Amino acid sequence: MSESASPSIPRRAVAALLPVAACVVQWLCWPVIVPFVWFLFYPTVFLSSWLGGYASGVAATFLSTGLVWWFFMAPVHTLLKPRPGAYINAAAFIGMGFLFSYFHERLHRARHEAAEARFRALFEQAGVGVVEAEAASGRFVRVNGRFCEILGHTEAELLGMRFQDVTHPGDVDRDVAETRRLAAGEIPGFATEKRYIRKDGATVWAALTVRPLLWPGLEDKHLVAIIEDISARRCAEEEVRLLNATLERRVAERTQELQAANQELESFAYAVSHDLRAPLRAMDGFSRALLEDCAPALDAEGRGYLDQIILASHTMAGLIDGLLLLSRATRGELERVPVDVSALAVGVLEGLRKADGARPPRWRVEPGIRAEGDPRMLRAAFANLLGNAWKYSGKAADPLIEVDRVQEDGRDWIRIRDNGCGFDMAFADKLWKPFQRLHRQDEYPGLGIGLATTQRIVNRHGGSLRAESAPGRGATFLVALPSAASQESP
C-alpha cells in the first residue's frame, strides 16, 4: 500500500514549522552567530526533509531562504541585495535543500519498499489462508496462495468475488451478521468454524479468525481474515462421533445381554437354592429314618452305605452354598463406604473362636486399618482369609494369626499371615480356581471355594490379591483395596 510511504500529517506540520523555530532561535542568538546567516538553517532543512519527506523539505528550504533573506541578510528587510554573493549563497542553499529532500525521499521509499516486500513474502508464504476484504461489500481485495489452494480458484477469480460467493449457504447469514457487527465497532473481531464451497463444488471446513485492518490511508474499512483448513480434523471428529455412537450402541446391547444373563443367573441361583435342596433334604431325611427305624434289619455294610449317603448329601449342600456365595460375589450392587478392617477382622476371629471348641490360635490385629468398599462383601472376603489362616495353623505348636498393614511399590496392603502348614508356590495358581484344593480333605476339610470367592470380591472393588508361602512356613495373603489408609481409628 503505497500511501503509507508518505509521512503522516503531524510529521509534515512539524517539518514545516521548523524554519520558523530556527528563525526565532537565531534572532535571539544573533549577536553571537553574526555573520553566519545560514548557521541554523542548514540543519533545519535537513531535519525537515527527514521528518516530512520531499515536499516538506522543499517547502522548508524556500521558507528558510525567505526568512534569512528578509531578517538576516544585510541589508535586512529588503528584497534587493547589493552584493552578488548574497544571491549565490541563497542559490547554493536552495540547491542543498533540494538534495536533502530528494535523498530523504529516496530513503523513505526504499524503507517502505523493503517493508512491503517483507509483508508480501509473509503474506504469500503463510501456511494458512490470508485475505483482505472490504467490510461493507465483502469483496476480496487481496488473497494469498494458500487461500487460493484451499478453494481451488485462481487469484484473479477470487479478486472478482465476495466472501459470500464462496461461503456455504448455511453459513452466509451468520458470517454477514458478524461482519456487520465488526464493521460497526460492536465487537473487536470474531472467530468461528465455517464451510466454504470449492470451485469443484466440494465443501471445505475452515477455522476463520477476522479482525479489522488498521492501515494509514485507507478510506473504507477493510478486514483481514485468517483461514485454516480443518477438513481433516472435522472428518476425524465425525469418525470419532460415529465410533462413539456405535460403541454406545454396542455397550447398550452388551448391557442388555449382561442383564439377561444376570437374570438367568438369579433364576439358576433360585433353582439351586430351593429346587435342589429339597431332594438333598429328602435323601438325608430318609437315610436317617432308615438308620433309626430299620437299623436291626441292616448289617454293618448297609449302615455304612447310609452313612456315606448322608455325608454325600451334606457335602453337596456345602457345594451348593459355595456356588451361591460365588454367584453373589460377582453380581449385585456394590456399596462403597468406609470400612474399619481392624474391627471387622477382630469380629471374624472372635466368631471363629466361639465356633471352634479346640485350642484357638493367638492373634494380633493392628488397629486403625481402614478401606473403602461394601461391608457385606468385605466381611465375606476376610472371613475366608482368616478362616483359612485359622484352619491351616491349627496343627502348629503355637498357632498365631497376624493382621497388619504394609506398603510395597507405593501401595498400601493389608497383610494376613499365619504360621501354619503353608503350601508350595508352584501350585499357587490353583488357589483362585473354584473347587481346587492343595491339601487332602482328610487333613484339612473344605470345599475349595473360599479363595475363589475372595478374589472375585477384591476384583470387584478394583483391588489386588496375592499370596506368599512355603511348605511348613505358614502363608501370607496381601490385599490392596481402594483408599486403604494407615490411620488410627477415631
Protein backbone atom coordinates (compact mmCIF):
# COMPACT_ATOMS: atom_id res chain seq x y z
CA MET A 1 0.00 0.00 0.00
CA SER A 2 1.99 2.95 -1.31
CA GLU A 3 0.04 5.53 0.66
CA SER A 4 1.99 4.61 3.72
CA ALA A 5 5.24 5.85 2.05
CA SER A 6 4.09 9.46 2.64
CA PRO A 7 4.79 10.83 6.13
CA SER A 8 1.86 11.49 8.34
CA ILE A 9 0.24 14.91 8.56
CA PRO A 10 1.65 15.67 12.05
CA ARG A 11 5.19 14.95 10.84
CA ARG A 12 4.72 17.23 7.83
CA ALA A 13 3.31 20.01 10.03
CA VAL A 14 6.31 19.82 12.37
CA ALA A 15 8.66 19.81 9.36
CA ALA A 16 7.04 22.96 8.01
CA LEU A 17 7.26 24.80 11.35
CA LEU A 18 10.94 24.03 11.97
CA PRO A 19 12.26 27.00 9.89
CA VAL A 20 10.12 29.38 11.93
CA ALA A 21 11.55 27.95 15.15
CA ALA A 22 15.09 28.19 13.75
CA CYS A 23 14.44 31.83 12.82
CA VAL A 24 13.31 32.66 16.35
CA VAL A 25 16.31 30.94 17.95
CA GLN A 26 18.78 32.60 15.54
CA TRP A 27 17.18 36.01 16.15
CA LEU A 28 17.66 35.60 19.88
CA CYS A 29 21.25 34.43 19.45
CA TRP A 30 22.14 36.73 16.56
CA PRO A 31 24.80 38.78 18.40
CA VAL A 32 26.75 35.54 18.88
CA ILE A 33 26.08 33.96 15.50
CA VAL A 34 26.59 37.01 13.29
CA PRO A 35 27.66 36.99 10.43
CA PHE A 36 26.82 33.24 9.86
CA VAL A 37 23.31 33.82 8.49
CA TRP A 38 22.76 30.19 7.40
CA PHE A 39 24.11 28.70 10.68
CA LEU A 40 20.83 27.11 11.98
CA PHE A 41 19.00 26.72 8.67
CA TYR A 42 21.12 24.00 7.06
CA PRO A 43 20.36 21.51 9.88
CA THR A 44 16.75 22.77 9.92
CA VAL A 45 16.21 21.91 6.24
CA PHE A 46 17.98 18.57 6.73
CA LEU A 47 15.68 17.70 9.66
CA SER A 48 12.55 18.94 7.86
CA SER A 49 13.23 16.78 4.82
CA TRP A 50 13.90 13.76 7.08
CA LEU A 51 10.66 14.28 9.01
CA GLY A 52 8.30 15.35 6.24
CA GLY A 53 9.77 13.94 3.06
CA TYR A 54 10.41 15.64 -0.26
CA ALA A 55 7.55 18.16 -0.26
CA SER A 56 8.14 19.28 3.33
CA GLY A 57 11.88 19.55 2.71
CA VAL A 58 11.39 21.75 -0.37
CA ALA A 59 8.85 23.93 1.47
CA ALA A 60 11.22 24.30 4.42
CA THR A 61 14.03 25.20 2.02
CA PHE A 62 12.14 28.08 0.42
CA LEU A 63 10.72 29.26 3.76
CA SER A 64 14.18 29.25 5.31
CA THR A 65 15.61 31.17 2.32
CA GLY A 66 12.91 33.79 2.66
CA LEU A 67 13.43 34.19 6.41
CA VAL A 68 17.21 34.53 6.08
CA TRP A 69 16.88 36.92 3.11
CA TRP A 70 14.47 39.21 4.97
CA PHE A 71 15.72 39.11 8.55
CA PHE A 72 19.43 38.27 8.49
CA MET A 73 20.93 39.05 5.07
CA ALA A 74 22.23 42.67 5.01
CA PRO A 75 20.66 44.94 4.25
CA VAL A 76 17.68 43.45 6.12
CA HIS A 77 14.00 44.00 5.36
CA THR A 78 14.56 44.46 1.65
CA LEU A 79 14.28 42.12 -1.30
CA LEU A 80 17.17 43.63 -3.26
CA LYS A 81 20.69 42.94 -2.05
CA PRO A 82 23.66 44.97 -3.31
CA ARG A 83 26.21 42.10 -3.13
CA PRO A 84 26.12 39.31 -5.80
CA GLY A 85 27.41 36.88 -3.18
CA ALA A 86 24.05 37.00 -1.40
CA TYR A 87 22.31 35.59 -4.46
CA ILE A 88 24.96 32.89 -4.88
CA ASN A 89 24.63 31.83 -1.21
CA ALA A 90 20.86 31.69 -1.49
CA ALA A 91 21.04 29.57 -4.67
CA ALA A 92 23.53 27.20 -3.04
CA PHE A 93 21.26 26.84 0.00
CA ILE A 94 18.23 26.12 -2.19
CA GLY A 95 20.19 23.54 -4.19
CA MET A 96 21.35 21.85 -0.98
CA GLY A 97 17.78 21.82 0.32
CA PHE A 98 16.62 20.11 -2.87
CA LEU A 99 19.37 17.49 -2.46
CA PHE A 100 18.45 16.85 1.19
CA SER A 101 14.78 16.49 0.24
CA TYR A 102 15.49 14.21 -2.72
CA PHE A 103 17.77 11.82 -0.84
CA HIS A 104 15.49 11.61 2.18
CA GLU A 105 12.53 10.89 -0.12
CA ARG A 106 14.52 8.07 -1.75
CA LEU A 107 15.43 6.74 1.68
CA HIS A 108 11.77 6.79 2.80
CA ARG A 109 10.69 4.95 -0.34
CA ALA A 110 13.46 2.35 -0.05
CA ARG A 111 12.48 1.58 3.51
CA HIS A 112 8.82 1.35 2.55
CA GLU A 113 9.55 -0.92 -0.42
CA ALA A 114 11.65 -3.23 1.79
CA ALA A 115 8.83 -3.40 4.35
CA GLU A 116 6.30 -4.02 1.57
CA ALA A 117 8.47 -6.82 0.17
CA ARG A 118 8.73 -8.47 3.59
CA PHE A 119 4.98 -8.14 4.07
CA ARG A 120 4.28 -9.69 0.67
CA ALA A 121 6.66 -12.57 1.39
CA LEU A 122 4.95 -13.27 4.71
CA PHE A 123 1.53 -12.88 3.12
CA GLU A 124 2.22 -15.23 0.21
CA GLN A 125 4.25 -17.84 2.10
CA ALA A 126 1.92 -18.15 5.10
CA GLY A 127 0.82 -21.70 5.85
CA VAL A 128 -2.77 -20.55 6.29
CA GLY A 129 -5.08 -18.59 4.06
CA VAL A 130 -4.86 -14.80 4.49
CA VAL A 131 -7.46 -12.48 2.97
CA GLU A 132 -8.08 -8.74 2.90
CA ALA A 133 -11.67 -7.77 2.15
CA GLU A 134 -13.91 -4.71 2.17
CA ALA A 135 -16.10 -4.67 5.27
CA ALA A 136 -19.09 -3.13 3.55
CA SER A 137 -19.36 -5.35 0.47
CA GLY A 138 -17.28 -8.39 1.41
CA ARG A 139 -15.28 -8.07 -1.84
CA PHE A 140 -11.83 -9.60 -1.77
CA VAL A 141 -9.06 -7.01 -2.08
CA ARG A 142 -6.10 -9.32 -1.63
CA VAL A 143 -5.75 -13.11 -1.24
CA ASN A 144 -2.70 -15.28 -0.74
CA GLY A 145 -1.73 -18.50 -2.47
CA ARG A 146 -2.79 -20.76 0.37
CA PHE A 147 -6.35 -19.39 0.27
CA CYS A 148 -6.45 -19.97 -3.49
CA GLU A 149 -5.24 -23.53 -2.88
CA ILE A 150 -7.94 -24.17 -0.26
CA LEU A 151 -10.75 -23.05 -2.57
CA GLY A 152 -9.29 -24.22 -5.89
CA HIS A 153 -9.67 -20.76 -7.51
CA THR A 154 -7.02 -18.55 -9.07
CA GLU A 155 -6.16 -15.21 -7.51
CA ALA A 156 -7.75 -13.34 -10.43
CA GLU A 157 -11.01 -15.28 -9.99
CA LEU A 158 -11.20 -14.58 -6.26
CA LEU A 159 -10.43 -10.87 -6.61
CA GLY A 160 -13.64 -10.52 -8.58
CA MET A 161 -15.72 -12.24 -5.90
CA ARG A 162 -17.10 -11.60 -2.41
CA PHE A 163 -16.68 -13.86 0.59
CA GLN A 164 -20.43 -14.56 0.40
CA ASP A 165 -19.88 -16.13 -3.04
CA VAL A 166 -17.60 -18.88 -1.70
CA THR A 167 -19.33 -19.44 1.65
CA HIS A 168 -21.67 -22.38 2.21
CA PRO A 169 -25.32 -21.18 2.05
CA GLY A 170 -25.91 -22.44 5.57
CA ASP A 171 -23.19 -20.16 6.98
CA VAL A 172 -23.69 -16.97 4.94
CA ASP A 173 -26.23 -15.24 7.21
CA ARG A 174 -24.14 -15.79 10.32
CA ASP A 175 -20.96 -14.52 8.61
CA VAL A 176 -22.68 -11.41 7.26
CA ALA A 177 -24.19 -10.61 10.69
CA GLU A 178 -20.81 -10.96 12.45
CA THR A 179 -19.09 -8.86 9.76
CA ARG A 180 -21.63 -6.07 10.16
CA ARG A 181 -21.15 -6.04 13.92
CA LEU A 182 -17.39 -5.87 13.41
CA ALA A 183 -17.69 -3.03 10.88
CA ALA A 184 -19.95 -1.12 13.28
CA GLY A 185 -17.37 -1.42 16.05
CA GLU A 186 -19.62 -3.54 18.27
CA ILE A 187 -17.01 -6.31 18.52
CA PRO A 188 -13.21 -6.21 18.14
CA GLY A 189 -13.25 -9.33 15.94
CA PHE A 190 -14.67 -12.82 15.79
CA ALA A 191 -13.56 -16.43 15.32
CA THR A 192 -15.69 -19.29 14.07
CA GLU A 193 -15.69 -22.52 12.11
CA LYS A 194 -17.44 -22.35 8.77
CA ARG A 195 -17.84 -24.12 5.45
CA TYR A 196 -16.51 -22.90 2.12
CA ILE A 197 -17.53 -24.15 -1.31
CA ARG A 198 -14.58 -25.07 -3.54
CA LYS A 199 -14.53 -24.42 -7.27
CA ASP A 200 -15.22 -28.12 -7.87
CA GLY A 201 -18.29 -27.97 -5.59
CA ALA A 202 -16.72 -29.79 -2.63
CA THR A 203 -17.25 -28.49 0.91
CA VAL A 204 -14.23 -27.35 2.92
CA TRP A 205 -14.31 -26.81 6.68
CA ALA A 206 -12.17 -23.92 7.89
CA ALA A 207 -11.33 -22.15 11.14
CA LEU A 208 -11.89 -18.43 10.49
CA THR A 209 -10.48 -15.50 12.50
CA VAL A 210 -11.43 -11.95 11.42
CA ARG A 211 -10.06 -8.62 12.66
CA PRO A 212 -10.31 -5.03 11.35
CA LEU A 213 -7.36 -3.91 9.21
CA LEU A 214 -5.76 -0.79 10.65
CA TRP A 215 -3.67 0.91 7.95
CA PRO A 216 -2.98 4.62 7.31
CA GLY A 217 -4.59 5.97 4.17
CA LEU A 218 -7.49 3.50 3.99
CA GLU A 219 -10.68 5.40 3.25
CA ASP A 220 -13.02 2.38 3.52
CA LYS A 221 -12.93 -0.07 6.38
CA HIS A 222 -11.18 -3.29 5.46
CA LEU A 223 -10.99 -6.62 7.25
CA VAL A 224 -8.21 -9.17 7.44
CA ALA A 225 -9.12 -12.85 7.82
CA ILE A 226 -7.02 -15.90 8.68
CA ILE A 227 -8.39 -19.15 7.24
CA GLU A 228 -7.10 -22.57 8.31
CA ASP A 229 -8.27 -25.73 6.54
CA ILE A 230 -9.66 -28.08 9.23
CA SER A 231 -11.43 -30.54 6.93
CA ALA A 232 -9.19 -33.43 8.05
CA ARG A 233 -9.85 -32.64 11.71
CA ARG A 234 -13.60 -32.38 11.18
CA CYS A 235 -13.55 -35.67 9.30
CA ALA A 236 -11.68 -37.30 12.18
CA GLU A 237 -14.14 -35.81 14.67
CA GLU A 238 -17.04 -37.18 12.65
CA GLU A 239 -15.42 -40.61 12.59
CA VAL A 240 -14.93 -40.44 16.36
CA ARG A 241 -18.56 -39.37 16.80
CA LEU A 242 -19.78 -42.29 14.70
CA LEU A 243 -17.44 -44.63 16.55
CA ASN A 244 -18.76 -43.36 19.89
CA ALA A 245 -22.33 -43.82 18.71
CA THR A 246 -21.52 -47.36 17.59
CA LEU A 247 -19.71 -48.02 20.85
CA GLU A 248 -22.64 -46.68 22.88
CA ARG A 249 -25.00 -48.92 20.92
CA ARG A 250 -22.76 -51.93 21.49
CA VAL A 251 -22.44 -51.10 25.19
CA ALA A 252 -26.22 -50.83 25.44
CA GLU A 253 -26.60 -54.17 23.68
CA ARG A 254 -23.94 -55.74 25.88
CA THR A 255 -25.60 -54.27 28.96
CA GLN A 256 -28.89 -55.83 27.94
CA GLU A 257 -27.14 -59.15 27.40
CA LEU A 258 -25.48 -58.91 30.82
CA GLN A 259 -28.79 -58.01 32.43
CA ALA A 260 -30.40 -61.02 30.76
CA ALA A 261 -27.50 -63.23 31.86
CA ASN A 262 -27.80 -61.90 35.42
CA GLN A 263 -31.50 -62.62 35.40
CA GLU A 264 -30.78 -66.16 34.19
CA LEU A 265 -28.11 -66.50 36.88
CA GLU A 266 -30.54 -65.30 39.53
CA SER A 267 -33.10 -67.81 38.26
CA PHE A 268 -30.46 -70.53 38.41
CA ALA A 269 -29.43 -69.47 41.90
CA TYR A 270 -33.08 -69.60 42.99
CA ALA A 271 -33.43 -73.07 41.49
CA VAL A 272 -30.24 -74.23 43.21
CA SER A 273 -31.27 -72.67 46.49
CA HIS A 274 -34.78 -74.11 46.53
CA ASP A 275 -35.26 -76.89 43.99
CA LEU A 276 -32.00 -78.79 44.59
CA ARG A 277 -32.07 -78.53 48.36
CA ALA A 278 -35.38 -80.36 48.61
CA PRO A 279 -34.03 -83.65 47.13
CA LEU A 280 -30.94 -83.37 49.31
CA ARG A 281 -33.05 -82.90 52.40
CA ALA A 282 -35.16 -85.90 51.34
CA MET A 283 -32.04 -88.05 50.87
CA ASP A 284 -30.70 -87.04 54.26
CA GLY A 285 -34.06 -87.47 55.99
CA PHE A 286 -34.89 -90.86 54.54
CA SER A 287 -31.37 -92.12 55.20
CA ARG A 288 -31.61 -91.10 58.82
CA ALA A 289 -35.08 -92.68 59.05
CA LEU A 290 -33.69 -95.96 57.73
CA LEU A 291 -30.93 -95.87 60.30
CA GLU A 292 -33.36 -95.15 63.13
CA ASP A 293 -36.28 -97.38 62.13
CA CYS A 294 -34.63 -100.27 60.27
CA ALA A 295 -31.28 -100.48 61.96
CA PRO A 296 -31.82 -104.08 63.25
CA ALA A 297 -32.51 -105.25 59.71
CA LEU A 298 -29.32 -103.70 58.33
CA ASP A 299 -25.90 -105.19 58.66
CA ALA A 300 -22.77 -103.06 59.19
CA GLU A 301 -22.16 -102.70 55.46
CA GLY A 302 -25.69 -101.37 54.87
CA ARG A 303 -25.37 -98.85 57.70
CA GLY A 304 -22.04 -97.75 56.20
CA TYR A 305 -23.73 -97.12 52.86
CA LEU A 306 -26.38 -94.98 54.54
CA ASP A 307 -23.69 -93.01 56.38
CA GLN A 308 -21.97 -92.31 53.03
CA ILE A 309 -25.30 -91.12 51.54
CA ILE A 310 -25.80 -88.74 54.50
CA LEU A 311 -22.21 -87.49 54.22
CA ALA A 312 -22.55 -87.02 50.44
CA SER A 313 -25.80 -85.05 50.89
CA HIS A 314 -24.07 -82.77 53.41
CA THR A 315 -21.12 -82.30 51.03
CA MET A 316 -23.48 -81.49 48.17
CA ALA A 317 -25.31 -78.97 50.35
CA GLY A 318 -21.98 -77.35 51.15
CA LEU A 319 -21.09 -77.20 47.45
CA ILE A 320 -24.44 -75.54 46.71
CA ASP A 321 -23.79 -72.97 49.45
CA GLY A 322 -20.33 -72.30 47.95
CA LEU A 323 -21.75 -71.85 44.44
CA LEU A 324 -24.39 -69.45 45.72
CA LEU A 325 -21.75 -67.46 47.60
CA LEU A 326 -19.53 -67.35 44.48
CA SER A 327 -22.52 -66.19 42.41
CA ARG A 328 -23.40 -63.42 44.85
CA ALA A 329 -19.77 -62.19 44.83
CA THR A 330 -19.94 -61.33 41.12
CA ARG A 331 -23.36 -59.68 40.96
CA GLY A 332 -25.50 -57.27 42.90
CA GLU A 333 -24.94 -53.57 43.54
CA LEU A 334 -21.62 -52.66 45.14
CA GLU A 335 -21.82 -50.25 48.07
CA ARG A 336 -18.76 -48.12 48.77
CA VAL A 337 -18.44 -46.81 52.32
CA PRO A 338 -15.53 -46.52 54.77
CA VAL A 339 -14.89 -49.86 56.48
CA ASP A 340 -12.89 -50.43 59.69
CA VAL A 341 -10.94 -53.54 58.63
CA SER A 342 -9.33 -53.92 62.06
CA ALA A 343 -12.69 -54.14 63.81
CA LEU A 344 -14.02 -56.43 61.08
CA ALA A 345 -11.04 -58.82 61.47
CA VAL A 346 -11.39 -58.94 65.27
CA GLY A 347 -15.11 -59.72 64.91
CA VAL A 348 -14.40 -62.59 62.49
CA LEU A 349 -11.70 -64.04 64.74
CA GLU A 350 -13.96 -63.83 67.80
CA GLY A 351 -16.66 -65.70 65.87
CA LEU A 352 -14.16 -68.40 64.88
CA ARG A 353 -13.03 -68.74 68.50
CA LYS A 354 -16.59 -69.27 69.70
CA ALA A 355 -17.31 -71.82 66.97
CA ASP A 356 -14.11 -73.84 67.49
CA GLY A 357 -14.01 -75.88 70.65
CA ALA A 358 -10.33 -76.75 70.25
CA ARG A 359 -7.48 -74.60 71.50
CA PRO A 360 -7.77 -71.36 69.48
CA PRO A 361 -4.73 -69.65 67.94
CA ARG A 362 -3.38 -66.39 69.25
CA TRP A 363 -3.89 -63.34 67.06
CA ARG A 364 -2.59 -59.82 66.69
CA VAL A 365 -4.62 -57.24 64.75
CA GLU A 366 -3.14 -53.81 64.09
CA PRO A 367 -5.67 -51.09 64.94
CA GLY A 368 -6.69 -48.33 62.55
CA ILE A 369 -6.66 -50.28 59.28
CA ARG A 370 -9.29 -48.76 57.00
CA ALA A 371 -10.54 -49.34 53.47
CA GLU A 372 -13.45 -48.32 51.28
CA GLY A 373 -15.88 -50.90 49.98
CA ASP A 374 -19.00 -52.97 50.50
CA PRO A 375 -19.10 -54.03 54.20
CA ARG A 376 -21.01 -57.25 53.49
CA MET A 377 -18.69 -58.40 50.72
CA LEU A 378 -15.51 -57.37 52.57
CA ARG A 379 -16.63 -59.30 55.63
CA ALA A 380 -17.13 -62.42 53.47
CA ALA A 381 -13.67 -61.94 51.91
CA PHE A 382 -11.84 -61.52 55.23
CA ALA A 383 -13.89 -64.36 56.77
CA ASN A 384 -12.49 -66.66 54.07
CA LEU A 385 -8.91 -65.43 54.52
CA LEU A 386 -8.99 -65.57 58.33
CA GLY A 387 -10.90 -68.86 58.28
CA ASN A 388 -8.14 -70.41 56.18
CA ALA A 389 -5.47 -68.99 58.49
CA TRP A 390 -7.36 -70.43 61.49
CA LYS A 391 -7.77 -73.85 59.83
CA TYR A 392 -4.26 -74.31 58.43
CA SER A 393 -2.46 -73.06 61.57
CA GLY A 394 -4.49 -75.31 63.88
CA LYS A 395 -1.81 -78.03 63.93
CA ALA A 396 1.10 -75.66 64.69
CA ALA A 397 2.79 -75.87 68.10
CA ASP A 398 1.93 -72.25 68.90
CA PRO A 399 -0.59 -71.09 66.27
CA LEU A 400 -0.53 -67.35 65.53
CA ILE A 401 -2.56 -65.17 63.13
CA GLU A 402 -1.50 -61.58 62.36
CA VAL A 403 -3.33 -58.80 60.54
CA ASP A 404 -1.38 -55.61 59.82
CA ARG A 405 -0.62 -53.12 57.08
CA VAL A 406 2.46 -52.79 54.89
CA GLN A 407 3.49 -50.60 51.98
CA GLU A 408 5.07 -52.04 48.85
CA ASP A 409 5.67 -50.39 45.48
CA GLY A 410 3.92 -47.24 46.69
CA ARG A 411 0.70 -49.12 47.54
CA ASP A 412 -0.94 -49.87 50.88
CA TRP A 413 -1.55 -53.57 51.50
CA ILE A 414 -3.49 -55.37 54.23
CA ARG A 415 -1.50 -58.44 55.25
CA ILE A 416 -2.97 -61.62 56.79
CA ARG A 417 -0.38 -64.21 57.75
CA ASP A 418 -0.21 -67.37 59.85
CA ASN A 419 2.44 -69.88 60.96
CA GLY A 420 0.57 -72.94 59.71
CA CYS A 421 1.43 -75.66 57.21
CA GLY A 422 1.80 -73.35 54.21
CA PHE A 423 1.82 -74.55 50.60
CA ASP A 424 4.06 -74.90 47.58
CA MET A 425 4.04 -71.75 45.43
CA ALA A 426 4.41 -73.94 42.33
CA PHE A 427 0.70 -74.75 42.74
CA ALA A 428 -0.40 -71.24 43.74
CA ASP A 429 -2.47 -70.79 40.57
CA LYS A 430 -4.92 -73.38 41.90
CA LEU A 431 -5.74 -71.16 44.88
CA TRP A 432 -8.07 -68.94 42.87
CA LYS A 433 -9.93 -71.69 40.96
CA PRO A 434 -13.23 -72.99 42.38
CA PHE A 435 -13.09 -76.47 43.99
CA GLN A 436 -9.30 -76.69 43.59
CA ARG A 437 -7.50 -77.73 46.78
CA LEU A 438 -3.81 -78.03 47.75
CA HIS A 439 -4.38 -80.33 50.77
CA ARG A 440 -6.26 -83.59 51.22
CA GLN A 441 -9.81 -83.50 52.53
CA ASP A 442 -8.98 -85.75 55.47
CA GLU A 443 -6.16 -83.40 56.57
CA TYR A 444 -7.97 -80.08 56.23
CA PRO A 445 -11.65 -80.33 55.29
CA GLY A 446 -13.18 -77.73 52.97
CA LEU A 447 -14.84 -77.09 49.64
CA GLY A 448 -12.13 -75.10 47.80
CA ILE A 449 -14.46 -72.21 47.06
CA GLY A 450 -13.40 -69.58 49.63
CA LEU A 451 -10.33 -68.05 47.93
CA ALA A 452 -12.04 -68.02 44.52
CA THR A 453 -14.88 -66.04 46.09
CA THR A 454 -12.43 -63.72 47.86
CA GLN A 455 -10.57 -62.94 44.64
CA ARG A 456 -13.80 -62.03 42.84
CA ILE A 457 -14.80 -59.72 45.71
CA VAL A 458 -11.42 -57.96 45.69
CA ASN A 459 -11.50 -57.62 41.89
CA ARG A 460 -14.99 -56.05 42.02
CA HIS A 461 -13.56 -53.44 44.39
CA GLY A 462 -10.77 -52.65 41.95
CA GLY A 463 -8.15 -54.12 44.28
CA SER A 464 -5.44 -56.78 44.15
CA LEU A 465 -4.88 -60.07 45.96
CA ARG A 466 -1.74 -62.19 46.07
CA ALA A 467 -0.26 -64.97 48.20
CA GLU A 468 3.21 -65.89 49.51
CA SER A 469 4.06 -69.16 51.21
CA ALA A 470 6.38 -72.12 51.56
CA PRO A 471 5.65 -75.62 52.93
CA GLY A 472 5.88 -75.64 56.70
CA ARG A 473 6.44 -71.86 56.92
CA GLY A 474 2.88 -70.55 57.02
CA ALA A 475 1.05 -68.47 54.45
CA THR A 476 0.75 -64.74 53.81
CA PHE A 477 -2.07 -63.11 51.86
CA LEU A 478 -1.83 -59.45 50.82
CA VAL A 479 -4.92 -57.44 49.90
CA ALA A 480 -4.86 -53.99 48.28
CA LEU A 481 -8.16 -52.11 48.43
CA PRO A 482 -9.15 -48.58 47.37
CA SER A 483 -8.44 -45.92 49.99
CA ALA A 484 -6.65 -48.31 52.31
CA ALA A 485 -5.04 -45.80 54.68
CA SER A 486 -2.63 -46.02 57.53
CA GLN A 487 -4.51 -44.01 60.13
CA GLU A 488 -5.75 -44.63 63.59
CA SER A 489 -9.39 -45.27 64.24
CA PRO A 490 -11.11 -42.32 65.88
